[in-house]
C-alpha cells in the first residue's frame, strides 16, 4: 500500500506555499498521479506528492529542471525574444505531464495525470488558476 502524503526538502514559507499549492491541486485533481514543486536554481524538490511508487519525485526534479532550462535557452533565439514559457505539456499513451513555471520562474510545478482520468484543457486551467 502506498502512503499518500506531501514530502519535501524545503522549510519555512517556501515549503508552506508549495504544500498549499499541492493541496489545492489535489482537491481539484484527486486522481493525479504525481506533483512536484522544484526550485529552478538548485533543482531541489521543494515539496511533492505521489500516488504511486513508480514516480520518485527526487528523480523527477533534476530532469524537469533540465527540460525547463533547455526551453529557456531556446527562448534566447532572436525570433523568440520576449516570449515566456507558460507551460509545457507532454502527452504520452496513458499519461499527461505538465510543467508550469511559478514564482516568476523561480520554481516549476511538475504534474502527472492519467489521460483516462482527465484532459489537457482541465489540467492547464487548474494549474493556471492555482500556480502563479
Protein backbone atom coordinates (compact mmCIF):
# COMPACT_ATOMS: atom_id res chain seq x y z
CA UNK A 1 0.00 0.00 0.00
CA UNK A 2 1.28 3.45 -0.92
CA UNK A 3 1.23 6.12 1.77
CA UNK A 4 -0.01 9.26 0.06
CA UNK A 5 1.48 12.31 1.70
CA UNK A 6 3.25 15.51 0.81
CA UNK A 7 7.02 15.34 1.27
CA UNK A 8 9.81 17.77 0.58
CA UNK A 9 13.19 19.23 1.39
CA UNK A 10 12.41 22.91 1.88
CA UNK A 11 11.38 24.59 5.13
CA UNK A 12 9.56 27.73 6.14
CA UNK A 13 7.41 29.87 3.88
CA UNK A 14 8.74 28.30 0.68
CA UNK A 15 7.70 24.83 1.78
CA UNK A 16 4.39 26.08 3.17
CA UNK A 17 3.37 27.78 -0.09
CA UNK A 18 4.39 24.70 -2.11
CA UNK A 19 2.35 22.42 0.16
CA UNK A 20 -0.65 24.75 -0.11
CA UNK A 21 -0.39 24.65 -3.91
CA UNK A 22 -0.23 20.84 -3.89
CA UNK A 23 -3.26 20.65 -1.58
CA UNK A 24 -5.25 22.89 -3.96
CA UNK A 25 -4.25 20.71 -6.92
CA UNK A 26 -5.23 17.55 -5.04
CA UNK A 27 -8.65 18.99 -4.23
CA UNK A 28 -9.33 19.65 -7.91
CA UNK A 29 -7.49 16.62 -9.30
CA UNK A 30 -7.78 13.93 -6.61
CA UNK A 31 -6.83 11.26 -9.14
CA UNK A 32 -3.48 12.87 -10.01
CA UNK A 33 -0.51 10.51 -10.16
CA UNK A 34 2.24 12.87 -9.01
CA UNK A 35 3.04 16.53 -8.50
CA UNK A 36 6.29 18.21 -7.51
CA UNK A 37 7.35 21.79 -6.91
CA UNK A 38 11.00 22.23 -7.88
CA UNK A 39 13.42 25.09 -7.26
CA UNK A 40 14.85 26.02 -10.67
CA UNK A 41 18.14 27.44 -9.36
CA UNK A 42 19.14 24.39 -7.32
CA UNK A 43 17.00 21.65 -8.96
CA UNK A 44 15.94 20.66 -5.43
CA UNK A 45 12.46 19.46 -4.62
CA UNK A 46 10.53 21.94 -2.50
CA UNK A 47 7.51 19.67 -1.96
CA UNK A 48 5.97 16.70 -3.74
CA UNK A 49 3.13 14.21 -3.68
CA UNK A 50 2.91 10.86 -5.41
CA UNK A 51 0.13 8.28 -5.51
CA UNK A 52 2.37 5.51 -6.82
CA UNK A 53 5.89 4.26 -6.10
CA UNK A 54 6.62 4.39 -9.86
CA UNK A 55 7.13 8.15 -9.58
CA UNK A 56 10.10 9.10 -7.44
CA UNK A 57 9.81 12.87 -7.04
CA UNK A 58 13.53 13.15 -6.36
CA UNK A 59 14.30 11.72 -9.80
CA UNK A 60 11.76 13.98 -11.49
CA UNK A 61 13.21 17.19 -10.08
CA UNK A 62 16.53 17.28 -11.93
CA UNK A 63 15.06 16.12 -15.21
CA UNK A 64 12.21 18.60 -15.15
CA UNK A 65 14.59 21.45 -14.30
CA UNK A 66 16.91 20.44 -17.16
CA UNK A 67 13.97 20.45 -19.54
CA UNK A 68 12.86 23.88 -18.36
CA UNK A 69 16.39 25.29 -18.66
CA UNK A 70 16.58 23.92 -22.21
CA UNK A 71 13.39 25.76 -23.08
CA UNK A 72 14.78 28.95 -21.56
CA UNK A 73 17.92 28.63 -23.73
CA UNK A 74 15.73 28.10 -26.79
CA UNK A 75 13.86 31.33 -26.00
CA UNK A 76 17.14 33.23 -26.31
CA UNK A 77 16.89 32.83 -30.10
CA UNK A 78 16.31 36.22 -31.78
CA UNK A 79 12.96 35.18 -33.28
CA UNK A 80 11.65 34.12 -29.85
CA UNK A 81 12.90 37.01 -27.72
CA UNK A 82 10.25 38.41 -25.42
CA UNK A 83 8.34 35.12 -25.30
CA UNK A 84 7.74 33.33 -21.99
CA UNK A 85 7.00 29.67 -21.30
CA UNK A 86 3.55 29.43 -19.73
CA UNK A 87 3.53 25.66 -19.60
CA UNK A 88 4.91 22.59 -21.29
CA UNK A 89 2.62 19.65 -21.94
CA UNK A 90 3.83 16.17 -22.85
CA UNK A 91 1.15 13.71 -23.88
CA UNK A 92 2.07 10.03 -23.63
CA UNK A 93 -0.01 6.96 -24.42
CA UNK A 94 -1.61 6.85 -20.97
CA UNK A 95 -0.34 9.94 -19.16
CA UNK A 96 -0.27 13.70 -19.37
CA UNK A 97 2.77 15.51 -17.96
CA UNK A 98 2.53 19.26 -17.47
CA UNK A 99 5.29 21.62 -16.32
CA UNK A 100 4.45 25.18 -15.36
CA UNK A 101 6.87 27.85 -14.11
CA UNK A 102 5.71 29.67 -10.98
CA UNK A 103 7.08 32.44 -8.79
CA UNK A 104 8.46 34.38 -11.78
CA UNK A 105 10.29 31.26 -12.95
CA UNK A 106 11.97 30.52 -9.61
CA UNK A 107 10.04 27.25 -9.33
CA UNK A 108 8.43 24.69 -11.61
CA UNK A 109 5.31 22.68 -10.93
CA UNK A 110 5.51 19.21 -12.49
CA UNK A 111 2.15 17.43 -12.59
CA UNK A 112 1.29 13.95 -13.90
CA UNK A 113 -2.23 12.60 -14.50
CA UNK A 114 -3.63 9.61 -16.33
CA UNK A 115 -5.37 10.51 -19.59
CA UNK A 116 -8.27 8.26 -18.60
CA UNK A 117 -8.91 10.48 -15.54
CA UNK A 118 -8.86 14.00 -17.03
CA UNK A 119 -7.93 16.05 -20.08
CA UNK A 120 -5.28 18.57 -21.04
CA UNK A 121 -7.59 21.60 -21.01
CA UNK A 122 -8.76 20.92 -17.48
CA UNK A 123 -5.23 20.34 -16.18
CA UNK A 124 -3.93 23.51 -17.79
CA UNK A 125 -6.84 25.55 -16.42
CA UNK A 126 -6.37 24.22 -12.89
CA UNK A 127 -2.62 24.92 -12.98
CA UNK A 128 -3.23 28.41 -14.37
CA UNK A 129 -5.63 29.22 -11.54
CA UNK A 130 -3.50 27.84 -8.70
CA UNK A 131 0.13 28.05 -9.82
CA UNK A 132 1.22 31.64 -10.35
